[in-house]
Amino acid sequence: MSEVTVKDMQDRFGLELLVGEVGIDRTIELSDISRPGLEMAGYFDFYPRTRIQLLGKTEISFFEMLPEAHRIERMNLLCTPETPAFVLAHGVTLPPELETAAERMGIAVLSSDVPTTRLSGMITNFLAGRLAPMETLHGVLVDVYGIGVLITGKSGVGKSETALELVKRGHRLIADDSVEIREVAKNILIGSPPPLLQHMLEIRGVGIIDIMTLFGASSVKDDKRIVLVIELELWDPDKMYDRLGVDEDTLKIMDSEVTKLVVPVRPGRNLSVIIEVAAMDYRLKSLGINAAEEFTNKLDAVISEKSAAAEEKGINR
């Protein structure tokens, strides 16, 4: 799990810092957002002090109705050493009681013109992605026809060369060699590159190349959901490879299962085209169109018809 600071959140959404600059580097540990309505009313028994505190028109309008002594008391209780930051939504005015308490505790207070509900969703999604459990895998992640394809295999099998050919054919590179995978929810895996390797691709004999510089901004993407894993392996003549595609294998990454295909590598096989077709076939299957199942059903029907005809012929004899 990577570390997220209040400064990261401010930069991501362009939030205005109103007070508490000394707290801009505080660490955010939870993706959940708190809207302290009950706390404004004086109920602090279950106050989630370690969350980002989001204040909108509802909270501020109620707060302004309180007597001055209560306003000072509530803000002193809201501002704790564990509180990462306060965010004011919908462009509401900063209450002077919050300004005083936050300045004293060194808590950053940020402001945005975005409506409260929308801003809450934006911040939650951002934090959920950044704070999700993370695992790093060796491979190449590409966006093929909108399908996030993770290409794996032993070193030197041709993963990066295949990705380069896919980029030339109009697809997009996300990460090469090292893929950081975050599990933002059950069976939802988001892959991205380490900052040092962003937009970079290594080709043996050529070296490190910058894909965005060579092919333009449309050839790269910052992250992508992984829904298909394709493992490249050298052709083994003694191994039986799947020729129908009826049985689907999966790869477990953290607590999620992802569809996995094994593609044998040998001279003359166009891997980039094979991966394109695999991505398109995956999309068709997700729409309920399964060519392998249709073929199997037709084959079973033909066999059944011939068996029935043979039985009937035997009876007539």
C-alpha atoms as a PDB file:
ATOM      1  CA  MET A   1       0.000   0.000   0.000  1.00  0.00           C
ATOM      2  CA  SER A   2       1.465   3.342  -1.073  1.00  0.00           C
ATOM      3  CA  GLU A   3       1.490   6.451   1.126  1.00  0.00           C
ATOM      4  CA  VAL A   4      -0.904   9.295   0.360  1.00  0.00           C
ATOM      5  CA  THR A   5      -0.573  12.767   1.832  1.00  0.00           C
ATOM      6  CA  VAL A   6      -2.956  15.703   2.004  1.00  0.00           C
ATOM      7  CA  LYS A   7      -0.707  17.408  -0.560  1.00  0.00           C
ATOM      8  CA  ASP A   8      -1.297  14.540  -3.009  1.00  0.00           C
ATOM      9  CA  MET A   9      -5.053  14.996  -2.654  1.00  0.00           C
ATOM     10  CA  GLN A  10      -4.754  18.769  -3.061  1.00  0.00           C
ATOM     11  CA  ASP A  11      -2.724  18.427  -6.259  1.00  0.00           C
ATOM     12  CA  ARG A  12      -5.054  15.767  -7.681  1.00  0.00           C
ATOM     13  CA  PHE A  13      -8.213  17.897  -7.384  1.00  0.00           C
ATOM     14  CA  GLY A  14      -6.795  21.424  -7.424  1.00  0.00           C
ATOM     15  CA  LEU A  15      -8.039  22.223  -3.923  1.00  0.00           C
ATOM     16  CA  GLU A  16      -7.367  25.655  -2.420  1.00  0.00           C
ATOM     17  CA  LEU A  17      -5.463  25.711   0.870  1.00  0.00           C
ATOM     18  CA  LEU A  18      -7.247  28.069   3.281  1.00  0.00           C
ATOM     19  CA  VAL A  19      -5.353  27.448   6.516  1.00  0.00           C
ATOM     20  CA  GLY A  20      -2.988  24.956   8.164  1.00  0.00           C
ATOM     21  CA  GLU A  21      -0.094  24.818   5.715  1.00  0.00           C
ATOM     22  CA  VAL A  22       2.011  22.956   8.290  1.00  0.00           C
ATOM     23  CA  GLY A  23      -0.392  20.003   8.021  1.00  0.00           C
ATOM     24  CA  ILE A  24      -0.245  19.654   4.236  1.00  0.00           C
ATOM     25  CA  ASP A  25       2.125  16.681   4.491  1.00  0.00           C
ATOM     26  CA  ARG A  26      -0.041  14.685   6.907  1.00  0.00           C
ATOM     27  CA  THR A  27      -0.601  11.074   5.859  1.00  0.00           C
ATOM     28  CA  ILE A  28      -4.068   9.848   4.899  1.00  0.00           C
ATOM     29  CA  GLU A  29      -4.581   6.257   6.019  1.00  0.00           C
ATOM     30  CA  LEU A  30      -8.249   5.615   5.197  1.00  0.00           C
ATOM     31  CA  SER A  31     -10.218   6.025   1.977  1.00  0.00           C
ATOM     32  CA  ASP A  32     -13.510   6.573   3.823  1.00  0.00           C
ATOM     33  CA  ILE A  33     -14.813  10.129   4.086  1.00  0.00           C
ATOM     34  CA  SER A  34     -16.613  11.533   7.140  1.00  0.00           C
ATOM     35  CA  ARG A  35     -19.354  14.155   7.022  1.00  0.00           C
ATOM     36  CA  PRO A  36     -19.551  15.135  10.706  1.00  0.00           C
ATOM     37  CA  GLY A  37     -23.233  16.020  10.972  1.00  0.00           C
ATOM     38  CA  LEU A  38     -23.831  14.180  14.243  1.00  0.00           C
ATOM     39  CA  GLU A  39     -20.637  15.623  15.671  1.00  0.00           C
ATOM     40  CA  MET A  40     -21.894  19.115  14.856  1.00  0.00           C
ATOM     41  CA  ALA A  41     -24.883  18.267  17.052  1.00  0.00           C
ATOM     42  CA  GLY A  42     -22.573  17.228  19.893  1.00  0.00           C
ATOM     43  CA  TYR A  43     -22.452  13.423  19.524  1.00  0.00           C
ATOM     44  CA  PHE A  44     -18.784  12.369  19.496  1.00  0.00           C
ATOM     45  CA  ASP A  45     -18.986   8.791  20.850  1.00  0.00           C
ATOM     46  CA  PHE A  46     -18.074   7.269  17.477  1.00  0.00           C
ATOM     47  CA  TYR A  47     -16.302  10.189  15.834  1.00  0.00           C
ATOM     48  CA  PRO A  48     -14.066   8.815  12.995  1.00  0.00           C
ATOM     49  CA  ARG A  49     -11.214  11.187  13.739  1.00  0.00           C
ATOM     50  CA  THR A  50      -8.734   9.479  11.350  1.00  0.00           C
ATOM     51  CA  ARG A  51     -10.813  10.208   8.224  1.00  0.00           C
ATOM     52  CA  ILE A  52     -10.917  13.225   5.946  1.00  0.00           C
ATOM     53  CA  GLN A  53     -13.662  15.517   7.290  1.00  0.00           C
ATOM     54  CA  LEU A  54     -15.896  16.863   4.514  1.00  0.00           C
ATOM     55  CA  LEU A  55     -18.135  19.839   5.235  1.00  0.00           C
ATOM     56  CA  GLY A  56     -20.844  20.984   2.836  1.00  0.00           C
ATOM     57  CA  LYS A  57     -23.773  23.372   2.888  1.00  0.00           C
ATOM     58  CA  THR A  58     -25.821  21.147   5.226  1.00  0.00           C
ATOM     59  CA  GLU A  59     -23.140  20.885   7.901  1.00  0.00           C
ATOM     60  CA  ILE A  60     -22.122  24.539   7.745  1.00  0.00           C
ATOM     61  CA  SER A  61     -25.701  25.897   7.763  1.00  0.00           C
ATOM     62  CA  PHE A  62     -26.498  23.821  10.869  1.00  0.00           C
ATOM     63  CA  PHE A  63     -23.210  24.836  12.475  1.00  0.00           C
ATOM     64  CA  GLU A  64     -24.012  28.531  12.017  1.00  0.00           C
ATOM     65  CA  MET A  65     -27.264  28.079  13.961  1.00  0.00           C
ATOM     66  CA  LEU A  66     -25.396  26.984  17.107  1.00  0.00           C
ATOM     67  CA  PRO A  67     -24.523  29.363  19.935  1.00  0.00           C
ATOM     68  CA  GLU A  68     -20.982  30.720  19.805  1.00  0.00           C
ATOM     69  CA  ALA A  69     -19.807  28.671  22.793  1.00  0.00           C
ATOM     70  CA  HIS A  70     -21.042  25.454  21.159  1.00  0.00           C
ATOM     71  CA  ARG A  71     -19.405  26.341  17.855  1.00  0.00           C
ATOM     72  CA  ILE A  72     -16.022  26.801  19.536  1.00  0.00           C
ATOM     73  CA  GLU A  73     -16.435  23.588  21.539  1.00  0.00           C
ATOM     74  CA  ARG A  74     -17.469  21.472  18.512  1.00  0.00           C
ATOM     75  CA  MET A  75     -14.576  22.642  16.375  1.00  0.00           C
ATOM     76  CA  ASN A  76     -12.076  22.030  19.179  1.00  0.00           C
ATOM     77  CA  LEU A  77     -13.398  18.456  19.441  1.00  0.00           C
ATOM     78  CA  LEU A  78     -13.361  17.942  15.666  1.00  0.00           C
ATOM     79  CA  CYS A  79      -9.730  19.059  15.324  1.00  0.00           C
ATOM     80  CA  THR A  80      -7.641  16.227  16.771  1.00  0.00           C
ATOM     81  CA  PRO A  81      -3.994  15.226  16.260  1.00  0.00           C
ATOM     82  CA  GLU A  82      -5.195  12.216  14.212  1.00  0.00           C
ATOM     83  CA  THR A  83      -7.411  14.197  11.816  1.00  0.00           C
ATOM     84  CA  PRO A  84      -5.726  14.359   8.358  1.00  0.00           C
ATOM     85  CA  ALA A  85      -7.564  17.389   6.936  1.00  0.00           C
ATOM     86  CA  PHE A  86     -10.823  19.246   6.466  1.00  0.00           C
ATOM     87  CA  VAL A  87     -12.339  19.854   3.035  1.00  0.00           C
ATOM     88  CA  LEU A  88     -15.008  22.498   2.443  1.00  0.00           C
ATOM     89  CA  ALA A  89     -17.220  21.680  -0.550  1.00  0.00           C
ATOM     90  CA  HIS A  90     -19.544  23.803  -2.664  1.00  0.00           C
ATOM     91  CA  GLY A  91     -17.443  26.903  -1.991  1.00  0.00           C
ATOM     92  CA  VAL A  92     -18.824  27.360   1.546  1.00  0.00           C
ATOM     93  CA  THR A  93     -17.212  29.990   3.749  1.00  0.00           C
ATOM     94  CA  LEU A  94     -14.591  28.899   6.269  1.00  0.00           C
ATOM     95  CA  PRO A  95     -16.038  29.297   9.795  1.00  0.00           C
ATOM     96  CA  PRO A  96     -13.688  31.357  11.994  1.00  0.00           C
ATOM     97  CA  GLU A  97     -14.015  28.744  14.771  1.00  0.00           C
ATOM     98  CA  LEU A  98     -12.661  26.047  12.408  1.00  0.00           C
ATOM     99  CA  GLU A  99      -9.894  28.356  11.217  1.00  0.00           C
ATOM    100  CA  THR A 100      -8.726  28.975  14.806  1.00  0.00           C
ATOM    101  CA  ALA A 101      -8.919  25.314  15.881  1.00  0.00           C
ATOM    102  CA  ALA A 102      -7.267  23.968  12.718  1.00  0.00           C
ATOM    103  CA  GLU A 103      -4.447  26.523  12.886  1.00  0.00           C
ATOM    104  CA  ARG A 104      -3.788  25.611  16.503  1.00  0.00           C
ATOM    105  CA  MET A 105      -3.680  21.845  15.746  1.00  0.00           C
ATOM    106  CA  GLY A 106      -1.763  22.209  12.478  1.00  0.00           C
ATOM    107  CA  ILE A 107      -4.545  20.702  10.319  1.00  0.00           C
ATOM    108  CA  ALA A 108      -4.907  21.719   6.679  1.00  0.00           C
ATOM    109  CA  VAL A 109      -8.285  23.098   5.606  1.00  0.00           C
ATOM    110  CA  LEU A 110      -8.927  22.864   1.854  1.00  0.00           C
ATOM    111  CA  SER A 111     -11.709  24.280  -0.272  1.00  0.00           C
ATOM    112  CA  SER A 112     -13.450  23.341  -3.529  1.00  0.00           C
ATOM    113  CA  ASP A 113     -16.368  24.635  -5.584  1.00  0.00           C
ATOM    114  CA  VAL A 114     -17.451  21.085  -6.468  1.00  0.00           C
ATOM    115  CA  PRO A 115     -20.805  19.966  -4.936  1.00  0.00           C
ATOM    116  CA  THR A 116     -20.448  17.934  -1.756  1.00  0.00           C
ATOM    117  CA  THR A 117     -21.742  14.558  -2.951  1.00  0.00           C
ATOM    118  CA  ARG A 118     -19.713  14.652  -6.149  1.00  0.00           C
ATOM    119  CA  LEU A 119     -16.556  15.743  -4.327  1.00  0.00           C
ATOM    120  CA  SER A 120     -17.016  12.971  -1.767  1.00  0.00           C
ATOM    121  CA  GLY A 121     -17.157  10.370  -4.545  1.00  0.00           C
ATOM    122  CA  MET A 122     -14.114  11.809  -6.306  1.00  0.00           C
ATOM    123  CA  ILE A 123     -11.977  11.820  -3.162  1.00  0.00           C
ATOM    124  CA  THR A 124     -13.156   8.355  -2.092  1.00  0.00           C
ATOM    125  CA  ASN A 125     -12.346   6.827  -5.483  1.00  0.00           C
ATOM    126  CA  PHE A 126      -8.933   8.493  -5.528  1.00  0.00           C
ATOM    127  CA  LEU A 127      -8.026   7.313  -2.036  1.00  0.00           C
ATOM    128  CA  ALA A 128      -9.436   3.816  -2.596  1.00  0.00           C
ATOM    129  CA  GLY A 129      -7.188   3.403  -5.607  1.00  0.00           C
ATOM    130  CA  ARG A 130      -4.077   4.792  -3.949  1.00  0.00           C
ATOM    131  CA  LEU A 131      -4.558   2.987  -0.617  1.00  0.00           C
ATOM    132  CA  ALA A 132      -5.619  -0.387  -2.036  1.00  0.00           C
ATOM    133  CA  PRO A 133      -3.493  -3.507  -1.365  1.00  0.00           C
ATOM    134  CA  MET A 134      -0.703  -3.630  -3.936  1.00  0.00           C
ATOM    135  CA  GLU A 135       1.399  -6.343  -5.533  1.00  0.00           C
ATOM    136  CA  THR A 136       4.108  -6.011  -8.165  1.00  0.00           C
ATOM    137  CA  LEU A 137       4.287  -8.555 -11.008  1.00  0.00           C
ATOM    138  CA  HIS A 138       6.813  -9.053 -13.793  1.00  0.00           C
ATOM    139  CA  GLY A 139       5.112  -8.528 -17.136  1.00  0.00           C
ATOM    140  CA  VAL A 140       3.748  -6.016 -19.625  1.00  0.00           C
ATOM    141  CA  LEU A 141       0.332  -4.355 -19.369  1.00  0.00           C
ATOM    142  CA  VAL A 142      -1.330  -3.102 -22.554  1.00  0.00           C
ATOM    143  CA  ASP A 143      -4.740  -1.724 -23.464  1.00  0.00           C
ATOM    144  CA  VAL A 144      -6.000  -3.738 -26.453  1.00  0.00           C
ATOM    145  CA  TYR A 145      -9.382  -2.627 -27.812  1.00  0.00           C
ATOM    146  CA  GLY A 146     -10.240  -1.333 -24.338  1.00  0.00           C
ATOM    147  CA  ILE A 147      -9.326  -4.658 -22.684  1.00  0.00           C
ATOM    148  CA  GLY A 148      -6.558  -4.571 -20.068  1.00  0.00           C
ATOM    149  CA  VAL A 149      -4.220  -7.418 -21.047  1.00  0.00           C
ATOM    150  CA  LEU A 150      -1.367  -8.439 -18.758  1.00  0.00           C
ATOM    151  CA  ILE A 151       1.307 -10.288 -20.761  1.00  0.00           C
ATOM    152  CA  THR A 152       3.448 -12.563 -18.602  1.00  0.00           C
ATOM    153  CA  GLY A 153       6.156 -15.141 -19.230  1.00  0.00           C
ATOM    154  CA  LYS A 154       9.797 -15.889 -18.597  1.00  0.00           C
ATOM    155  CA  SER A 155      12.439 -13.263 -19.288  1.00  0.00           C
ATOM    156  CA  GLY A 156      13.379 -13.119 -22.972  1.00  0.00           C
ATOM    157  CA  VAL A 157      10.237 -14.806 -24.282  1.00  0.00           C
ATOM    158  CA  GLY A 158       9.219 -11.679 -26.224  1.00  0.00           C
ATOM    159  CA  LYS A 159       6.785  -9.761 -24.006  1.00  0.00           C
ATOM    160  CA  SER A 160       8.187  -6.290 -24.683  1.00  0.00           C
ATOM    161  CA  GLU A 161       8.600  -6.929 -28.420  1.00  0.00           C
ATOM    162  CA  THR A 162       4.977  -8.053 -28.606  1.00  0.00           C
ATOM    163  CA  ALA A 163       3.875  -4.926 -26.722  1.00  0.00           C
ATOM    164  CA  LEU A 164       5.855  -2.750 -29.141  1.00  0.00           C
ATOM    165  CA  GLU A 165       4.095  -4.357 -32.098  1.00  0.00           C
ATOM    166  CA  LEU A 166       0.727  -3.794 -30.397  1.00  0.00           C
ATOM    167  CA  VAL A 167       1.569  -0.112 -29.894  1.00  0.00           C
ATOM    168  CA  LYS A 168       2.466   0.148 -33.592  1.00  0.00           C
ATOM    169  CA  ARG A 169      -0.942  -1.335 -34.393  1.00  0.00           C
ATOM    170  CA  GLY A 170      -2.676   1.466 -32.448  1.00  0.00           C
ATOM    171  CA  HIS A 171      -2.998   0.027 -28.946  1.00  0.00           C
ATOM    172  CA  ARG A 172      -1.695   1.598 -25.735  1.00  0.00           C
ATOM    173  CA  LEU A 173       1.104   0.738 -23.338  1.00  0.00           C
ATOM    174  CA  ILE A 174       0.502   1.014 -19.604  1.00  0.00           C
ATOM    175  CA  ALA A 175       3.537  -0.649 -18.023  1.00  0.00           C
ATOM    176  CA  ASP A 176       6.570  -2.665 -19.085  1.00  0.00           C
ATOM    177  CA  ASP A 177       8.702  -5.064 -17.033  1.00  0.00           C
ATOM    178  CA  SER A 178       7.202  -4.128 -13.643  1.00  0.00           C
ATOM    179  CA  VAL A 179       3.440  -3.749 -13.155  1.00  0.00           C
ATOM    180  CA  GLU A 180       2.052  -2.377  -9.894  1.00  0.00           C
ATOM    181  CA  ILE A 181      -1.348  -3.986  -9.322  1.00  0.00           C
ATOM    182  CA  ARG A 182      -3.837  -2.577  -6.815  1.00  0.00           C
ATOM    183  CA  GLU A 183      -6.907  -4.499  -5.697  1.00  0.00           C
ATOM    184  CA  VAL A 184      -9.426  -1.676  -5.309  1.00  0.00           C
ATOM    185  CA  ALA A 185     -12.295  -4.168  -4.817  1.00  0.00           C
ATOM    186  CA  LYS A 186     -13.022  -7.870  -5.134  1.00  0.00           C
ATOM    187  CA  ASN A 187     -12.003  -8.979  -8.660  1.00  0.00           C
ATOM    188  CA  ILE A 188     -11.162  -5.409  -9.649  1.00  0.00           C
ATOM    189  CA  LEU A 189      -7.424  -5.040 -10.270  1.00  0.00           C
ATOM    190  CA  ILE A 190      -5.902  -1.790 -11.518  1.00  0.00           C
ATOM    191  CA  GLY A 191      -2.435  -1.952 -13.044  1.00  0.00           C
ATOM    192  CA  SER A 192      -0.007   0.951 -13.403  1.00  0.00           C
ATOM    193  CA  PRO A 193       3.729   1.471 -13.920  1.00  0.00           C
ATOM    194  CA  PRO A 194       6.241   2.543 -11.275  1.00  0.00           C
ATOM    195  CA  PRO A 195       6.853   6.297 -11.704  1.00  0.00           C
ATOM    196  CA  LEU A 196      10.431   5.687 -12.874  1.00  0.00           C
ATOM    197  CA  LEU A 197       9.305   3.382 -15.708  1.00  0.00           C
ATOM    198  CA  GLN A 198       6.261   5.320 -16.902  1.00  0.00           C
ATOM    199  CA  HIS A 199       5.968   5.308 -20.730  1.00  0.00           C
ATOM    200  CA  MET A 200       9.238   3.346 -21.006  1.00  0.00           C
ATOM    201  CA  LEU A 201       9.790   0.086 -22.889  1.00  0.00           C
ATOM    202  CA  GLU A 202      12.929  -2.069 -22.957  1.00  0.00           C
ATOM    203  CA  ILE A 203      13.897  -3.789 -26.207  1.00  0.00           C
ATOM    204  CA  ARG A 204      16.925  -6.084 -26.104  1.00  0.00           C
ATOM    205  CA  GLY A 205      19.561  -4.879 -28.534  1.00  0.00           C
ATOM    206  CA  VAL A 206      18.021  -1.398 -28.733  1.00  0.00           C
ATOM    207  CA  GLY A 207      17.704  -0.349 -25.094  1.00  0.00           C
ATOM    208  CA  ILE A 208      15.161   1.808 -23.280  1.00  0.00           C
ATOM    209  CA  ILE A 209      12.750   3.721 -25.509  1.00  0.00           C
ATOM    210  CA  ASP A 210      10.146   6.355 -24.626  1.00  0.00           C
ATOM    211  CA  ILE A 211       6.883   5.185 -26.178  1.00  0.00           C
ATOM    212  CA  MET A 212       5.085   8.522 -25.760  1.00  0.00           C
ATOM    213  CA  THR A 213       7.901  10.426 -27.485  1.00  0.00           C
ATOM    214  CA  LEU A 214       8.082   7.955 -30.367  1.00  0.00           C
ATOM    215  CA  PHE A 215       4.387   7.269 -30.955  1.00  0.00           C
ATOM    216  CA  GLY A 216       2.557  10.181 -29.294  1.00  0.00           C
ATOM    217  CA  ALA A 217       0.366  10.697 -26.253  1.00  0.00           C
ATOM    218  CA  SER A 218      -2.366   8.396 -27.575  1.00  0.00           C
ATOM    219  CA  SER A 219       0.002   5.402 -27.349  1.00  0.00           C
ATOM    220  CA  VAL A 220       0.220   5.374 -23.535  1.00  0.00           C
ATOM    221  CA  LYS A 221      -2.144   5.270 -20.575  1.00  0.00           C
ATOM    222  CA  ASP A 222      -1.542   5.834 -16.867  1.00  0.00           C
ATOM    223  CA  ASP A 223      -3.479   2.812 -15.579  1.00  0.00           C
ATOM    224  CA  LYS A 224      -5.907   0.130 -16.671  1.00  0.00           C
ATOM    225  CA  ARG A 225      -8.116  -2.520 -15.133  1.00  0.00           C
ATOM    226  CA  ILE A 226      -6.652  -5.998 -15.724  1.00  0.00           C
ATOM    227  CA  VAL A 227      -9.258  -8.472 -16.998  1.00  0.00           C
ATOM    228  CA  LEU A 228      -7.149 -10.876 -19.076  1.00  0.00           C
ATOM    229  CA  VAL A 229      -3.752 -12.483 -18.452  1.00  0.00           C
ATOM    230  CA  ILE A 230      -1.865 -14.012 -21.384  1.00  0.00           C
ATOM    231  CA  GLU A 231       1.163 -16.097 -20.508  1.00  0.00           C
ATOM    232  CA  LEU A 232       3.734 -16.538 -23.275  1.00  0.00           C
ATOM    233  CA  GLU A 233       5.772 -19.730 -23.101  1.00  0.00           C
ATOM    234  CA  LEU A 234       8.197 -21.416 -25.475  1.00  0.00           C
ATOM    235  CA  TRP A 235       6.511 -24.135 -27.527  1.00  0.00           C
ATOM    236  CA  ASP A 236       6.756 -27.524 -25.843  1.00  0.00           C
ATOM    237  CA  PRO A 237       6.114 -30.339 -28.380  1.00  0.00           C
ATOM    238  CA  ASP A 238       5.280 -32.736 -25.562  1.00  0.00           C
ATOM    239  CA  LYS A 239       2.589 -30.499 -24.077  1.00  0.00           C
ATOM    240  CA  MET A 240      -1.070 -30.540 -25.092  1.00  0.00           C
ATOM    241  CA  TYR A 241      -2.284 -26.978 -25.676  1.00  0.00           C
ATOM    242  CA  ASP A 242      -5.939 -25.963 -25.607  1.00  0.00           C
ATOM    243  CA  ARG A 243      -7.311 -25.918 -29.151  1.00  0.00           C
ATOM    244  CA  LEU A 244     -11.004 -25.296 -28.478  1.00  0.00           C
ATOM    245  CA  GLY A 245     -11.041 -22.724 -25.679  1.00  0.00           C
ATOM    246  CA  VAL A 246     -13.921 -24.346 -23.807  1.00  0.00           C
ATOM    247  CA  ASP A 247     -12.124 -24.712 -20.487  1.00  0.00           C
ATOM    248  CA  GLU A 248     -11.078 -21.388 -18.977  1.00  0.00           C
ATOM    249  CA  ASP A 249      -8.140 -21.099 -16.602  1.00  0.00           C
ATOM    250  CA  THR A 250      -7.720 -18.309 -14.057  1.00  0.00           C
ATOM    251  CA  LEU A 251      -4.832 -16.644 -12.263  1.00  0.00           C
ATOM    252  CA  LYS A 252      -5.213 -15.587  -8.642  1.00  0.00           C
ATOM    253  CA  ILE A 253      -3.762 -12.168  -7.867  1.00  0.00           C
ATOM    254  CA  MET A 254      -4.203 -11.295  -4.213  1.00  0.00           C
ATOM    255  CA  ASP A 255      -7.871 -12.200  -3.559  1.00  0.00           C
ATOM    256  CA  SER A 256      -9.055 -11.765  -7.154  1.00  0.00           C
ATOM    257  CA  GLU A 257      -9.393 -14.223 -10.042  1.00  0.00           C
ATOM    258  CA  VAL A 258      -8.487 -13.156 -13.592  1.00  0.00           C
ATOM    259  CA  THR A 259      -9.031 -15.109 -16.820  1.00  0.00           C
ATOM    260  CA  LYS A 260      -5.751 -16.603 -18.040  1.00  0.00           C
ATOM    261  CA  LEU A 261      -4.670 -17.925 -21.440  1.00  0.00           C
ATOM    262  CA  VAL A 262      -1.428 -19.716 -22.296  1.00  0.00           C
ATOM    263  CA  VAL A 263      -0.056 -18.900 -25.765  1.00  0.00           C
ATOM    264  CA  PRO A 264       2.878 -21.003 -27.023  1.00  0.00           C
ATOM    265  CA  VAL A 265       5.661 -19.102 -28.769  1.00  0.00           C
ATOM    266  CA  ARG A 266       7.379 -20.466 -31.851  1.00  0.00           C
ATOM    267  CA  PRO A 267       8.777 -18.980 -35.092  1.00  0.00           C
ATOM    268  CA  GLY A 268       6.090 -17.845 -37.499  1.00  0.00           C
ATOM    269  CA  ARG A 269       3.409 -17.092 -34.923  1.00  0.00           C
ATOM    270  CA  ASN A 270       2.188 -13.479 -34.979  1.00  0.00           C
ATOM    271  CA  LEU A 271       1.779 -12.878 -31.253  1.00  0.00           C
ATOM    272  CA  SER A 272       0.389  -9.364 -31.558  1.00  0.00           C
ATOM    273  CA  VAL A 273      -2.450 -10.543 -33.804  1.00  0.00           C
ATOM    274  CA  ILE A 274      -3.121 -13.500 -31.502  1.00  0.00           C
ATOM    275  CA  ILE A 275      -3.383 -11.155 -28.504  1.00  0.00           C
ATOM    276  CA  GLU A 276      -5.703  -8.834 -30.449  1.00  0.00           C
ATOM    277  CA  VAL A 277      -7.969 -11.767 -31.272  1.00  0.00           C
ATOM    278  CA  ALA A 278      -7.847 -12.991 -27.652  1.00  0.00           C
ATOM    279  CA  ALA A 279      -8.932  -9.543 -26.446  1.00  0.00           C
ATOM    280  CA  MET A 280     -11.788  -9.359 -28.953  1.00  0.00           C
ATOM    281  CA  ASP A 281     -12.875 -12.911 -28.091  1.00  0.00           C
ATOM    282  CA  TYR A 282     -12.861 -12.011 -24.380  1.00  0.00           C
ATOM    283  CA  ARG A 283     -15.135  -9.048 -25.117  1.00  0.00           C
ATOM    284  CA  LEU A 284     -17.517 -11.252 -27.114  1.00  0.00           C
ATOM    285  CA  LYS A 285     -17.639 -13.782 -24.275  1.00  0.00           C
ATOM    286  CA  SER A 286     -18.492 -11.007 -21.825  1.00  0.00           C
ATOM    287  CA  LEU A 287     -21.410 -10.161 -24.142  1.00  0.00           C
ATOM    288  CA  GLY A 288     -22.589 -13.772 -24.094  1.00  0.00           C
ATOM    289  CA  ILE A 289     -21.122 -14.864 -27.450  1.00  0.00           C
ATOM    290  CA  ASN A 290     -18.898 -17.914 -26.997  1.00  0.00           C
ATOM    291  CA  ALA A 291     -17.672 -19.399 -30.267  1.00  0.00           C
ATOM    292  CA  ALA A 292     -16.107 -22.435 -28.561  1.00  0.00           C
ATOM    293  CA  GLU A 293     -19.355 -23.345 -26.811  1.00  0.00           C
ATOM    294  CA  GLU A 294     -21.365 -22.837 -30.021  1.00  0.00           C
ATOM    295  CA  PHE A 295     -18.997 -25.127 -31.928  1.00  0.00           C
ATOM    296  CA  THR A 296     -19.152 -27.767 -29.177  1.00  0.00           C
ATOM    297  CA  ASN A 297     -22.946 -27.640 -29.110  1.00  0.00           C
ATOM    298  CA  LYS A 298     -23.131 -28.011 -32.907  1.00  0.00           C
ATOM    299  CA  LEU A 299     -20.676 -30.903 -32.790  1.00  0.00           C
ATOM    300  CA  ASP A 300     -22.680 -32.626 -30.046  1.00  0.00           C
ATOM    301  CA  ALA A 301     -25.852 -32.151 -32.080  1.00  0.00           C
ATOM    302  CA  VAL A 302     -24.288 -33.712 -35.190  1.00  0.00           C
ATOM    303  CA  ILE A 303     -22.950 -36.654 -33.180  1.00  0.00           C
ATOM    304  CA  SER A 304     -26.363 -37.161 -31.561  1.00  0.00           C
ATOM    305  CA  GLU A 305     -28.110 -37.095 -34.944  1.00  0.00           C
ATOM    306  CA  LYS A 306     -25.713 -39.625 -36.423  1.00  0.00           C
ATOM    307  CA  SER A 307     -26.008 -41.866 -33.374  1.00  0.00           C
ATOM    308  CA  ALA A 308     -29.804 -41.758 -33.546  1.00  0.00           C
ATOM    309  CA  ALA A 309     -29.743 -42.506 -37.290  1.00  0.00           C
ATOM    310  CA  ALA A 310     -27.404 -45.444 -36.747  1.00  0.00           C
ATOM    311  CA  GLU A 311     -29.640 -46.862 -33.991  1.00  0.00           C
ATOM    312  CA  GLU A 312     -32.729 -46.466 -36.151  1.00  0.00           C
ATOM    313  CA  LYS A 313     -31.002 -48.174 -39.051  1.00  0.00           C
ATOM    314  CA  GLY A 314     -29.989 -51.068 -36.797  1.00  0.00           C
ATOM    315  CA  ILE A 315     -33.558 -51.476 -35.543  1.00  0.00           C
ATOM    316  CA  ASN A 316     -34.979 -51.544 -39.077  1.00  0.00           C
ATOM    317  CA  ARG A 317     -32.608 -54.330 -39.981  1.00  0.00           C
END
